[in-house]
Amino acid sequence: MIFNPVVAMRNVLLLLIGFTGLILPPTVLGEEDALPDIVIILADDMGWGDPQCYEPDSKIPTPNLDRLADEGMRFTDAHTPSSVCTPTRYTLLTGRYCWRTWLEKGVLDGFGPPLIGGGEDTVATLLKRAGYRTACVGKWHLGMQWHDLEGNPVGERGAQGFRPGDTMDFGQDLTGGPNDVGFDSYFGISASLDMSPYVYLRDRRVETRPTAWHEKIEDTIFLNGVSGVKSPGFDIHDVLPRFGEEAVRVISSHAGKANPLFLYLPLNSPHLPVSPSAGVKGKSEAGDYGDFVWETDEVVGRVLDALDETGMAENTLVLFTSDNGGLWHWWNFRADDDGGKAPTTPRGDYVREFGHQSNADWRGTKADIYEGGHRVPFLVRWPAKVKGGRVSEALVELTDVFATVEEITGLKGKETSGMDSFSMLPVLLGAAEEVRPFSIHHSLAGTFALRQGPWKMIEGRGSGGFTRPRHARDFDDDIPGQLYNLDSDFQETKNRWVDESKRVSEMKSFLETVRETSARDAASGKSVVGRD
């Protein structure tokens, strides 16, 4: 056996942690295996049809995502628990569906209060207990405690729109954010770049206090957003490359360290505002949006290069995925959704001009309950353990990251943390073809769907999101919901609700069991209430 000093130092460190009272249970790894470094890269609004490894007809070169697919495992039936940002991010980190919290629909703005409770475990707190260094770089969008100029804690935004931030105190420490839910370090932005504040955060502080004003831009389909406060010199075109630089710095600084690294890298791209940096124009055949996706892929490449240069690549689990489906898709602009008259919108014209479909042929877009809203790219590379070049049809959710980390480390989450999560490690290691018996989906407006096998039951009519028709009131029949067989009708066009009434009843009952208990307990037949 070849002596590896880094592995030896890690084993000594874990032994010392055990002597201090945190006795680590055995893991699924062998006794001589070192815990892997873990890098999770979360794109924002990237659709299933954007990377060429998923859609060969994509007009966007994605060589680094294609490399991940070639060197790792590509999942074709992977889903987000929600069709929008905040709920998916919450569920990924906690293993609990976000609708179990006070945020039962919609998203937070840039000044939202902390969504993750103090008593909850996250992937980061779990890995800290296993001896990991934990770092977060990127878009948080899970809330943190801000204060106004009078010293009052800022609460939920309620029915009002995104707040501009002119009444906030930017000199106070921020609590309840990344540093308080398991991350040793944080650099990033509080939410999306179509909402204030336009500032960088470093750990618990605003890096440079805002003294400027970001004006809402009305005359373009890409650079949208609300007016709000801005740090001097802050430029939305610089944010993505800055995140790449910070991520590489974290990896490079960890080379040769005894303890393993967990890096969570939630990107701001290709979410609106579509803002590729200088020098990127023309890298794709899909206009500015395609160039922004290309730049997202380029950041992934920088991370992979950093892992290679530090010698960390072999035993690093890299997961790339997206927080929901894409926005730039033909289904938003179908003539038959508009009474036979195609809408003449700038976004519709853009999609027609370039012919690029973010969600390939899946129905719907971001925010929708249809497949285009939540079926996403999902790539895993771990050279030491996962055989490369494999394609898996296993049903997985981003929810399953938590249980996978539990199984890798041999640790268990506290209380209800991980209650909706199933470990996908057996699929990664080739020991099983399926681990998740069903999936739950949730739209922007709070519409639920249950998937069992090929059957998908939607509790309500319409998309529940952006695509017309959106609501039950848009229909002139009395059919209350939707049922589709994805094997024979992957575009969800033939509603089987009426002729499959028994199946509908059984699926509605099972969905209610999941809501009242947990995904894990519903699968095992147990009954335990886990809703806040």
Protein backbone atom coordinates (compact mmCIF):
# COMPACT_ATOMS: atom_id res chain seq x y z
CA MET A 1 0.00 0.00 0.00
CA ILE A 2 1.32 3.45 -0.92
CA PHE A 3 1.48 5.84 2.02
CA ASN A 4 -0.52 9.00 1.39
CA PRO A 5 0.36 11.71 3.94
CA VAL A 6 -2.75 13.78 3.25
CA VAL A 7 -5.02 10.76 3.83
CA ALA A 8 -3.10 9.94 6.99
CA MET A 9 -3.45 13.50 8.31
CA ARG A 10 -7.18 13.47 7.59
CA ASN A 11 -7.62 10.19 9.44
CA VAL A 12 -5.72 11.58 12.43
CA LEU A 13 -7.90 14.70 12.40
CA LEU A 14 -11.10 12.64 12.35
CA LEU A 15 -9.75 10.51 15.20
CA LEU A 16 -9.10 13.66 17.25
CA ILE A 17 -12.63 14.88 16.57
CA GLY A 18 -13.88 11.57 17.93
CA PHE A 19 -11.86 11.98 21.13
CA THR A 20 -13.43 15.42 21.67
CA GLY A 21 -16.90 13.91 21.90
CA LEU A 22 -18.12 13.82 18.30
CA ILE A 23 -17.68 10.11 17.69
CA LEU A 24 -18.18 9.56 13.99
CA PRO A 25 -20.19 6.49 12.97
CA PRO A 26 -18.79 4.22 10.28
CA THR A 27 -19.29 5.40 6.70
CA VAL A 28 -20.07 3.52 3.52
CA LEU A 29 -16.50 4.15 2.48
CA GLY A 30 -13.80 1.67 3.37
CA GLU A 31 -11.77 2.21 6.51
CA GLU A 32 -8.77 3.26 4.43
CA ASP A 33 -10.74 5.68 2.26
CA ALA A 34 -10.52 9.40 2.88
CA LEU A 35 -13.73 11.38 2.90
CA PRO A 36 -14.11 13.11 -0.46
CA ASP A 37 -13.91 16.81 -1.08
CA ILE A 38 -17.35 17.96 -2.25
CA VAL A 39 -18.14 20.76 -4.70
CA ILE A 40 -21.77 21.60 -5.50
CA ILE A 41 -22.28 24.04 -8.39
CA LEU A 42 -25.83 25.32 -8.69
CA ALA A 43 -26.70 27.20 -11.87
CA ASP A 44 -29.64 29.61 -11.78
CA ASP A 45 -32.43 29.04 -14.34
CA MET A 46 -30.42 26.74 -16.62
CA GLY A 47 -32.74 24.45 -18.54
CA TRP A 48 -32.45 20.77 -19.43
CA GLY A 49 -31.90 21.71 -23.06
CA ASP A 50 -29.07 24.21 -22.58
CA PRO A 51 -26.03 21.90 -22.18
CA GLN A 52 -25.05 20.02 -25.31
CA CYS A 53 -24.54 16.82 -23.32
CA TYR A 54 -28.34 16.85 -22.80
CA GLU A 55 -29.47 18.41 -26.07
CA PRO A 56 -27.14 17.84 -29.04
CA ASP A 57 -29.09 20.50 -30.97
CA SER A 58 -28.31 23.15 -28.34
CA LYS A 59 -26.81 26.23 -29.94
CA ILE A 60 -24.56 26.82 -26.94
CA PRO A 61 -21.11 25.18 -26.64
CA THR A 62 -20.75 23.69 -23.15
CA PRO A 63 -17.43 21.80 -23.26
CA ASN A 64 -16.94 21.70 -19.49
CA LEU A 65 -20.39 20.35 -18.71
CA ASP A 66 -19.87 17.85 -21.50
CA ARG A 67 -16.59 16.89 -19.83
CA LEU A 68 -18.41 16.30 -16.53
CA ALA A 69 -20.86 14.03 -18.35
CA ASP A 70 -18.01 12.12 -20.04
CA GLU A 71 -16.05 11.70 -16.82
CA GLY A 72 -19.02 11.14 -14.49
CA MET A 73 -22.70 10.25 -14.44
CA ARG A 74 -25.45 12.11 -16.26
CA PHE A 75 -28.97 11.87 -14.85
CA THR A 76 -31.86 12.27 -17.31
CA ASP A 77 -34.75 12.21 -14.80
CA ALA A 78 -33.52 14.71 -12.21
CA HIS A 79 -35.80 17.35 -10.69
CA THR A 80 -35.86 20.35 -8.46
CA PRO A 81 -38.36 20.28 -5.57
CA SER A 82 -39.65 23.67 -6.69
CA SER A 83 -39.81 25.52 -9.98
CA VAL A 84 -38.26 28.68 -8.48
CA CYS A 85 -35.09 29.69 -6.63
CA THR A 86 -35.54 30.09 -2.88
CA PRO A 87 -37.51 26.89 -2.16
CA THR A 88 -35.08 24.72 -4.11
CA ARG A 89 -32.06 26.18 -2.32
CA TYR A 90 -33.67 25.58 1.06
CA THR A 91 -34.50 21.98 0.22
CA LEU A 92 -31.08 21.20 -1.25
CA LEU A 93 -29.33 22.31 1.96
CA THR A 94 -31.80 20.87 4.51
CA GLY A 95 -33.36 17.82 2.86
CA ARG A 96 -36.81 19.22 3.78
CA TYR A 97 -39.40 20.55 1.35
CA CYS A 98 -39.62 24.31 1.67
CA TRP A 99 -43.42 24.34 1.89
CA ARG A 100 -42.98 22.88 5.37
CA THR A 101 -41.73 26.34 6.41
CA TRP A 102 -43.51 29.71 6.47
CA LEU A 103 -42.62 30.23 2.78
CA GLU A 104 -45.38 28.19 1.14
CA LYS A 105 -45.14 29.87 -2.27
CA GLY A 106 -43.09 32.50 -4.09
CA VAL A 107 -39.52 33.56 -3.26
CA LEU A 108 -37.70 35.87 -0.87
CA ASP A 109 -36.38 39.24 -1.96
CA GLY A 110 -32.89 40.55 -1.18
CA PHE A 111 -33.86 41.61 2.34
CA GLY A 112 -35.85 38.56 3.40
CA PRO A 113 -35.36 37.19 6.93
CA PRO A 114 -33.58 33.84 7.49
CA LEU A 115 -35.54 30.90 6.15
CA ILE A 116 -33.36 28.14 7.63
CA GLY A 117 -34.25 27.62 11.29
CA GLY A 118 -31.63 27.64 14.02
CA GLY A 119 -32.37 24.07 15.04
CA GLU A 120 -32.04 22.63 11.56
CA ASP A 121 -29.08 20.80 10.15
CA THR A 122 -27.83 21.73 6.73
CA VAL A 123 -25.44 19.88 4.45
CA ALA A 124 -22.82 22.35 5.72
CA THR A 125 -23.40 21.72 9.46
CA LEU A 126 -23.41 17.99 8.80
CA LEU A 127 -20.09 18.17 6.98
CA LYS A 128 -18.57 20.42 9.65
CA ARG A 129 -19.29 17.69 12.19
CA ALA A 130 -17.43 15.32 9.89
CA GLY A 131 -14.37 17.57 9.96
CA TYR A 132 -14.85 19.50 6.72
CA ARG A 133 -13.87 23.05 5.95
CA THR A 134 -17.04 24.61 4.53
CA ALA A 135 -17.22 27.55 2.13
CA CYS A 136 -20.05 29.22 0.22
CA VAL A 137 -19.48 31.48 -2.78
CA GLY A 138 -22.38 32.95 -4.73
CA LYS A 139 -26.05 33.82 -4.66
CA TRP A 140 -27.57 32.96 -1.26
CA HIS A 141 -31.30 33.81 -1.59
CA LEU A 142 -32.25 32.08 1.66
CA GLY A 143 -32.61 35.17 3.79
CA MET A 144 -30.53 36.75 6.53
CA GLN A 145 -31.41 39.17 9.27
CA TRP A 146 -31.21 42.78 8.11
CA HIS A 147 -32.06 45.83 10.25
CA ASP A 148 -33.53 49.15 9.23
CA LEU A 149 -32.08 52.55 10.10
CA GLU A 150 -34.08 52.60 13.34
CA GLY A 151 -32.57 49.31 14.49
CA ASN A 152 -35.63 47.16 13.82
CA PRO A 153 -35.20 43.68 12.37
CA VAL A 154 -36.58 43.47 8.83
CA GLY A 155 -39.35 40.93 8.32
CA GLU A 156 -41.06 39.25 5.39
CA ARG A 157 -41.98 41.36 2.39
CA GLY A 158 -45.53 40.00 2.32
CA ALA A 159 -47.57 41.05 -0.70
CA GLN A 160 -45.34 44.00 -1.55
CA GLY A 161 -42.80 43.83 -4.34
CA PHE A 162 -39.03 43.59 -4.03
CA ARG A 163 -37.78 46.27 -1.63
CA PRO A 164 -35.23 48.88 -2.83
CA GLY A 165 -33.27 48.96 0.44
CA ASP A 166 -33.07 52.69 1.01
CA THR A 167 -34.25 52.27 4.62
CA MET A 168 -31.71 49.57 5.55
CA ASP A 169 -28.74 49.87 7.89
CA PHE A 170 -25.77 48.45 5.97
CA GLY A 171 -23.37 48.83 8.87
CA GLN A 172 -24.75 46.05 11.06
CA ASP A 173 -23.66 42.44 11.07
CA LEU A 174 -25.99 40.07 9.19
CA THR A 175 -27.14 37.02 11.13
CA GLY A 176 -28.97 33.87 10.13
CA GLY A 177 -27.10 33.67 6.81
CA PRO A 178 -24.43 31.26 5.54
CA ASN A 179 -22.05 31.70 8.50
CA ASP A 180 -24.82 30.77 10.93
CA VAL A 181 -25.95 27.63 9.11
CA GLY A 182 -22.64 25.81 8.80
CA PHE A 183 -20.35 27.73 6.46
CA ASP A 184 -16.93 28.82 7.72
CA SER A 185 -16.72 31.51 5.05
CA TYR A 186 -19.03 33.28 2.64
CA PHE A 187 -18.69 35.64 -0.30
CA GLY A 188 -21.58 36.55 -2.53
CA ILE A 189 -24.85 38.41 -3.02
CA SER A 190 -27.98 38.14 -0.92
CA ALA A 191 -30.37 37.27 -3.77
CA SER A 192 -30.84 37.58 -7.53
CA LEU A 193 -29.51 40.49 -9.53
CA ASP A 194 -33.02 41.53 -10.52
CA MET A 195 -33.57 42.69 -6.95
CA SER A 196 -31.77 44.98 -4.49
CA PRO A 197 -29.25 45.22 -2.83
CA TYR A 198 -26.55 45.41 -5.49
CA VAL A 199 -23.67 44.79 -3.08
CA TYR A 200 -21.18 42.05 -2.28
CA LEU A 201 -21.28 40.38 1.13
CA ARG A 202 -18.22 39.00 2.90
CA ASP A 203 -19.16 36.70 5.78
CA ARG A 204 -21.56 38.74 7.94
CA ARG A 205 -20.81 42.18 6.51
CA VAL A 206 -21.56 44.25 3.44
CA GLU A 207 -18.16 44.51 1.78
CA THR A 208 -18.65 48.10 0.53
CA ARG A 209 -21.56 50.16 1.80
CA PRO A 210 -23.94 51.33 -0.94
CA THR A 211 -23.78 54.99 -1.85
CA ALA A 212 -25.11 54.69 -5.42
CA TRP A 213 -28.44 53.79 -7.00
CA HIS A 214 -29.23 51.06 -9.50
CA GLU A 215 -31.96 52.20 -11.90
CA LYS A 216 -34.55 49.78 -13.21
CA ILE A 217 -34.00 49.25 -16.93
CA GLU A 218 -37.23 49.09 -18.92
CA ASP A 219 -36.08 49.01 -22.54
CA THR A 220 -34.54 45.55 -22.82
CA ILE A 221 -35.67 41.96 -22.35
CA PHE A 222 -32.48 41.06 -20.51
CA LEU A 223 -31.34 43.75 -18.07
CA ASN A 224 -34.47 43.88 -15.96
CA GLY A 225 -34.78 44.34 -12.22
CA VAL A 226 -35.95 46.74 -9.56
CA SER A 227 -34.36 50.02 -8.64
CA GLY A 228 -32.27 49.79 -5.51
CA VAL A 229 -29.16 50.62 -3.56
CA LYS A 230 -25.76 49.80 -5.06
CA SER A 231 -22.16 49.82 -3.90
CA PRO A 232 -19.94 52.18 -5.89
CA GLY A 233 -18.41 50.35 -8.84
CA PHE A 234 -20.72 47.34 -8.54
CA ASP A 235 -21.40 46.05 -12.08
CA ILE A 236 -23.76 43.15 -12.74
CA HIS A 237 -21.53 42.02 -15.65
CA ASP A 238 -18.66 41.37 -13.23
CA VAL A 239 -20.53 39.16 -10.76
CA LEU A 240 -20.22 35.76 -12.46
CA PRO A 241 -16.46 36.01 -13.15
CA ARG A 242 -15.96 37.30 -9.60
CA PHE A 243 -17.68 34.20 -8.25
CA GLY A 244 -15.37 32.09 -10.39
CA GLU A 245 -12.31 33.87 -9.01
CA GLU A 246 -13.45 33.42 -5.41
CA ALA A 247 -14.23 29.73 -5.94
CA VAL A 248 -10.80 29.08 -7.45
CA ARG A 249 -9.20 30.95 -4.53
CA VAL A 250 -11.03 28.70 -2.03
CA ILE A 251 -9.89 25.54 -3.81
CA SER A 252 -6.32 26.72 -4.31
CA SER A 253 -5.99 27.70 -0.65
CA HIS A 254 -7.05 24.20 0.40
CA ALA A 255 -4.42 22.29 -1.53
CA GLY A 256 -2.58 19.82 0.70
CA LYS A 257 -4.82 20.44 3.73
CA ALA A 258 -5.60 17.49 5.98
CA ASN A 259 -9.32 18.09 6.34
CA PRO A 260 -11.67 17.72 3.37
CA LEU A 261 -13.35 20.70 1.67
CA PHE A 262 -17.00 21.42 0.98
CA LEU A 263 -17.58 24.24 -1.51
CA TYR A 264 -21.13 25.32 -2.30
CA LEU A 265 -21.11 27.51 -5.42
CA PRO A 266 -24.60 28.85 -6.28
CA LEU A 267 -24.13 30.98 -9.39
CA ASN A 268 -26.14 34.01 -10.50
CA SER A 269 -26.34 32.76 -14.08
CA PRO A 270 -28.05 32.43 -16.46
CA HIS A 271 -30.87 34.07 -14.44
CA LEU A 272 -32.10 37.52 -15.42
CA PRO A 273 -30.52 39.98 -15.81
CA VAL A 274 -28.72 38.22 -18.64
CA SER A 275 -25.37 39.97 -18.29
CA PRO A 276 -22.38 38.21 -19.83
CA SER A 277 -19.08 39.93 -19.17
CA ALA A 278 -17.00 41.80 -21.72
CA GLY A 279 -15.33 39.58 -24.30
CA VAL A 280 -17.97 36.85 -24.20
CA LYS A 281 -20.23 38.15 -26.96
CA GLY A 282 -20.63 35.74 -29.86
CA LYS A 283 -19.43 32.63 -28.02
CA SER A 284 -22.75 30.93 -28.81
CA GLU A 285 -25.34 30.92 -31.58
CA ALA A 286 -28.13 31.85 -29.17
CA GLY A 287 -27.53 35.55 -28.59
CA ASP A 288 -26.85 37.14 -25.22
CA TYR A 289 -28.59 34.37 -23.30
CA GLY A 290 -26.52 31.71 -25.03
CA ASP A 291 -23.35 33.68 -24.32
CA PHE A 292 -24.28 33.84 -20.64
CA VAL A 293 -24.75 30.07 -20.53
CA TRP A 294 -21.37 29.69 -22.27
CA GLU A 295 -19.79 31.86 -19.57
CA THR A 296 -21.46 29.74 -16.89
CA ASP A 297 -19.84 26.69 -18.45
CA GLU A 298 -16.51 28.54 -18.50
CA VAL A 299 -16.72 29.11 -14.72
CA VAL A 300 -17.35 25.38 -14.28
CA GLY A 301 -14.19 24.79 -16.30
CA ARG A 302 -12.18 27.07 -14.04
CA VAL A 303 -13.33 25.07 -11.01
CA LEU A 304 -12.39 21.77 -12.68
CA ASP A 305 -9.00 23.17 -13.67
CA ALA A 306 -8.37 24.31 -10.09
CA LEU A 307 -9.15 20.80 -8.81
CA ASP A 308 -6.72 19.36 -11.36
CA GLU A 309 -3.97 21.86 -10.50
CA THR A 310 -4.24 21.17 -6.76
CA GLY A 311 -4.31 17.41 -7.19
CA MET A 312 -7.76 17.23 -5.60
CA ALA A 313 -9.78 16.02 -8.60
CA GLU A 314 -9.54 12.26 -8.04
CA ASN A 315 -11.34 12.22 -4.69
CA THR A 316 -13.66 15.19 -5.21
CA LEU A 317 -17.36 14.68 -5.74
CA VAL A 318 -18.47 17.44 -8.14
CA LEU A 319 -22.21 17.93 -8.57
CA PHE A 320 -23.55 20.33 -11.17
CA THR A 321 -27.24 21.12 -11.46
CA SER A 322 -29.75 23.99 -11.70
CA ASP A 323 -32.29 25.40 -9.24
CA ASN A 324 -35.18 25.13 -11.73
CA GLY A 325 -35.89 24.98 -15.44
CA GLY A 326 -35.09 27.63 -18.01
CA LEU A 327 -37.10 30.71 -18.94
CA TRP A 328 -36.25 31.00 -22.64
CA HIS A 329 -38.50 28.42 -24.20
CA TRP A 330 -40.98 28.17 -27.04
CA TRP A 331 -43.90 26.95 -24.90
CA ASN A 332 -44.24 30.42 -23.40
CA PHE A 333 -45.16 31.71 -26.82
CA ARG A 334 -47.38 29.06 -28.41
CA ALA A 335 -50.24 30.38 -30.51
CA ASP A 336 -52.74 27.87 -29.09
CA ASP A 337 -52.16 29.23 -25.58
CA ASP A 338 -53.35 32.64 -26.72
CA GLY A 339 -56.65 31.86 -28.38
CA GLY A 340 -55.00 31.19 -31.73
CA LYS A 341 -53.10 34.49 -31.81
CA ALA A 342 -49.40 34.29 -31.10
CA PRO A 343 -48.30 36.88 -28.52
CA THR A 344 -45.93 39.52 -29.83
CA THR A 345 -43.55 39.90 -26.91
CA PRO A 346 -39.83 40.73 -27.01
CA ARG A 347 -39.02 37.42 -25.33
CA GLY A 348 -41.14 35.51 -27.82
CA ASP A 349 -39.41 37.26 -30.71
CA TYR A 350 -36.02 36.39 -29.19
CA VAL A 351 -36.86 32.69 -28.87
CA ARG A 352 -38.13 32.59 -32.45
CA GLU A 353 -35.09 34.44 -33.78
CA PHE A 354 -32.48 32.05 -32.40
CA GLY A 355 -34.54 28.87 -32.21
CA HIS A 356 -32.84 27.76 -29.00
CA GLN A 357 -35.05 25.93 -26.52
CA SER A 358 -33.79 26.07 -22.94
CA ASN A 359 -35.96 23.15 -21.87
CA ALA A 360 -35.63 21.11 -25.08
CA ASP A 361 -39.07 19.62 -25.81
CA TRP A 362 -40.38 19.48 -22.25
CA ARG A 363 -43.51 21.50 -21.59
CA GLY A 364 -43.36 24.75 -19.64
CA THR A 365 -40.71 26.98 -18.14
CA LYS A 366 -39.31 28.12 -14.85
CA ALA A 367 -42.09 28.64 -12.25
CA ASP A 368 -44.39 26.08 -13.91
CA ILE A 369 -45.56 22.76 -12.50
CA TYR A 370 -44.86 21.16 -15.89
CA GLU A 371 -41.63 19.27 -16.61
CA GLY A 372 -39.88 22.29 -18.09
CA GLY A 373 -40.19 24.00 -14.73
CA HIS A 374 -38.39 21.38 -12.66
CA ARG A 375 -36.58 18.82 -14.85
CA VAL A 376 -32.94 19.95 -14.85
CA PRO A 377 -29.38 18.97 -15.80
CA PHE A 378 -27.77 16.84 -13.07
CA LEU A 379 -24.15 15.75 -13.45
CA VAL A 380 -21.99 13.98 -10.86
CA ARG A 381 -18.26 13.31 -11.19
CA TRP A 382 -16.23 11.47 -8.54
CA PRO A 383 -13.33 9.67 -10.24
CA ALA A 384 -12.34 7.68 -7.17
CA LYS A 385 -15.79 6.08 -6.86
CA VAL A 386 -18.09 6.83 -9.79
CA LYS A 387 -17.44 5.19 -13.14
CA GLY A 388 -17.37 7.77 -15.91
CA GLY A 389 -19.47 8.00 -19.04
CA ARG A 390 -22.62 6.54 -17.46
CA VAL A 391 -26.18 7.72 -18.02
CA SER A 392 -28.79 7.07 -15.33
CA GLU A 393 -32.56 7.13 -15.74
CA ALA A 394 -33.03 7.00 -11.96
CA LEU A 395 -35.54 9.45 -10.53
CA VAL A 396 -33.68 11.90 -8.29
CA GLU A 397 -34.32 15.29 -6.70
CA LEU A 398 -31.95 17.97 -5.47
CA THR A 399 -33.59 17.09 -2.15
CA ASP A 400 -31.45 13.94 -2.15
CA VAL A 401 -28.13 15.71 -1.63
CA PHE A 402 -28.67 15.73 2.15
CA ALA A 403 -29.21 11.98 2.54
CA THR A 404 -26.32 11.27 0.19
CA VAL A 405 -24.01 13.30 2.41
CA GLU A 406 -25.41 11.48 5.44
CA GLU A 407 -24.49 8.15 3.90
CA ILE A 408 -21.04 9.27 2.77
CA THR A 409 -20.11 10.59 6.22
CA GLY A 410 -22.06 8.07 8.31
CA LEU A 411 -23.71 10.94 10.21
CA LYS A 412 -27.43 11.67 10.65
CA GLY A 413 -29.22 15.00 10.50
CA LYS A 414 -30.85 16.44 13.60
CA GLU A 415 -34.59 16.16 14.17
CA THR A 416 -36.51 16.58 10.89
CA SER A 417 -33.50 17.57 8.77
CA GLY A 418 -33.35 15.26 5.76
CA MET A 419 -36.93 14.06 6.27
CA ASP A 420 -37.70 14.26 2.53
CA SER A 421 -34.33 13.07 1.25
CA PHE A 422 -33.22 9.70 -0.20
CA SER A 423 -29.55 8.84 -0.67
CA MET A 424 -28.53 8.47 -4.29
CA LEU A 425 -25.14 7.01 -3.33
CA PRO A 426 -26.16 3.43 -4.32
CA VAL A 427 -26.97 4.71 -7.81
CA LEU A 428 -23.67 6.59 -8.04
CA LEU A 429 -21.71 3.51 -6.98
CA GLY A 430 -23.60 1.22 -9.35
CA ALA A 431 -25.21 -0.76 -6.54
CA ALA A 432 -28.79 0.19 -7.43
CA GLU A 433 -30.73 1.57 -10.38
CA GLU A 434 -33.40 3.38 -8.33
CA VAL A 435 -33.55 4.80 -4.81
CA ARG A 436 -36.37 7.35 -4.83
CA PRO A 437 -39.87 5.81 -5.13
CA PHE A 438 -41.65 9.06 -6.01
CA SER A 439 -41.06 12.79 -6.38
CA ILE A 440 -42.91 15.91 -5.31
CA HIS A 441 -43.03 19.09 -7.37
CA HIS A 442 -44.18 22.59 -6.42
CA SER A 443 -44.80 25.66 -8.59
CA LEU A 444 -44.33 29.39 -8.00
CA ALA A 445 -48.00 29.78 -7.04
CA GLY A 446 -47.93 26.76 -4.72
CA THR A 447 -49.42 24.09 -7.00
CA PHE A 448 -48.41 20.55 -6.00
CA ALA A 449 -47.65 17.56 -8.21
CA LEU A 450 -46.84 13.94 -7.39
CA ARG A 451 -44.85 11.66 -9.68
CA GLN A 452 -45.06 7.88 -9.27
CA GLY A 453 -43.52 5.83 -12.04
CA PRO A 454 -44.66 7.33 -15.36
CA TRP A 455 -47.72 8.96 -13.79
CA LYS A 456 -47.78 12.61 -12.79
CA MET A 457 -50.75 14.01 -10.89
CA ILE A 458 -51.15 17.79 -10.59
CA GLU A 459 -53.44 19.25 -7.93
CA GLY A 460 -55.01 21.98 -10.01
CA ARG A 461 -55.34 23.31 -13.54
CA GLY A 462 -52.92 25.41 -15.51
CA SER A 463 -49.18 25.85 -15.06
CA GLY A 464 -49.26 27.49 -11.62
CA GLY A 465 -46.43 29.63 -12.93
CA PHE A 466 -45.60 31.72 -16.00
CA THR A 467 -47.02 29.73 -18.92
CA ARG A 468 -50.58 30.36 -20.10
CA PRO A 469 -53.09 29.10 -19.07
CA ARG A 470 -51.98 29.59 -15.49
CA HIS A 471 -55.07 29.10 -13.28
CA ALA A 472 -58.25 27.04 -12.95
CA ARG A 473 -60.28 30.12 -13.87
CA ASP A 474 -58.75 29.97 -17.34
CA PHE A 475 -60.72 26.77 -18.12
CA ASP A 476 -64.41 26.37 -18.91
CA ASP A 477 -64.78 22.76 -17.71
CA ASP A 478 -65.18 21.29 -14.23
CA ILE A 479 -62.08 19.08 -14.25
CA PRO A 480 -60.20 20.01 -11.05
CA GLY A 481 -56.73 18.64 -11.82
CA GLN A 482 -54.36 17.03 -14.28
CA LEU A 483 -52.95 13.54 -14.76
CA TYR A 484 -50.37 12.62 -17.36
CA ASN A 485 -48.51 9.47 -18.34
CA LEU A 486 -45.01 10.69 -19.14
CA ASP A 487 -44.05 7.47 -20.92
CA SER A 488 -46.67 7.98 -23.63
CA ASP A 489 -47.17 11.75 -23.30
CA PHE A 490 -43.96 13.41 -22.18
CA GLN A 491 -45.22 16.86 -23.23
CA GLU A 492 -48.17 16.62 -20.84
CA THR A 493 -50.90 17.31 -23.39
CA LYS A 494 -53.46 14.52 -22.72
CA ASN A 495 -55.16 15.00 -19.37
CA ARG A 496 -56.19 11.56 -18.03
CA TRP A 497 -57.87 12.87 -14.85
CA VAL A 498 -61.40 11.75 -15.79
CA ASP A 499 -60.67 8.28 -17.18
CA GLU A 500 -58.18 7.37 -14.42
CA SER A 501 -60.27 8.45 -11.43
CA LYS A 502 -59.15 5.55 -9.20
CA ARG A 503 -55.49 6.32 -9.83
CA VAL A 504 -56.13 10.00 -9.16
CA SER A 505 -57.78 9.22 -5.84
CA GLU A 506 -54.91 6.99 -4.73
CA MET A 507 -52.26 9.52 -5.73
CA LYS A 508 -54.09 12.39 -4.01
CA SER A 509 -54.25 10.32 -0.83
CA PHE A 510 -50.55 9.49 -0.99
CA LEU A 511 -49.59 13.13 -1.62
CA GLU A 512 -51.55 14.12 1.48
CA THR A 513 -49.66 11.49 3.48
CA VAL A 514 -46.34 13.03 2.37
CA ARG A 515 -47.55 16.48 3.37
CA GLU A 516 -48.70 15.29 6.79
CA THR A 517 -45.63 13.14 7.51
CA SER A 518 -42.43 13.12 5.44
CA ALA A 519 -41.25 11.66 2.16
CA ARG A 520 -39.18 9.07 4.02
CA ASP A 521 -42.02 8.02 6.31
CA ALA A 522 -44.60 7.98 3.52
CA ALA A 523 -42.32 5.65 1.56
CA SER A 524 -41.95 3.32 4.55
CA GLY A 525 -45.57 3.55 5.69
CA LYS A 526 -44.74 5.32 8.96
CA SER A 527 -46.75 8.24 10.30
CA VAL A 528 -45.04 11.20 11.94
CA VAL A 529 -45.91 14.86 11.62
CA GLY A 530 -42.98 16.95 10.38
CA ARG A 531 -44.49 20.25 9.30
CA ASP A 532 -43.51 23.48 11.08
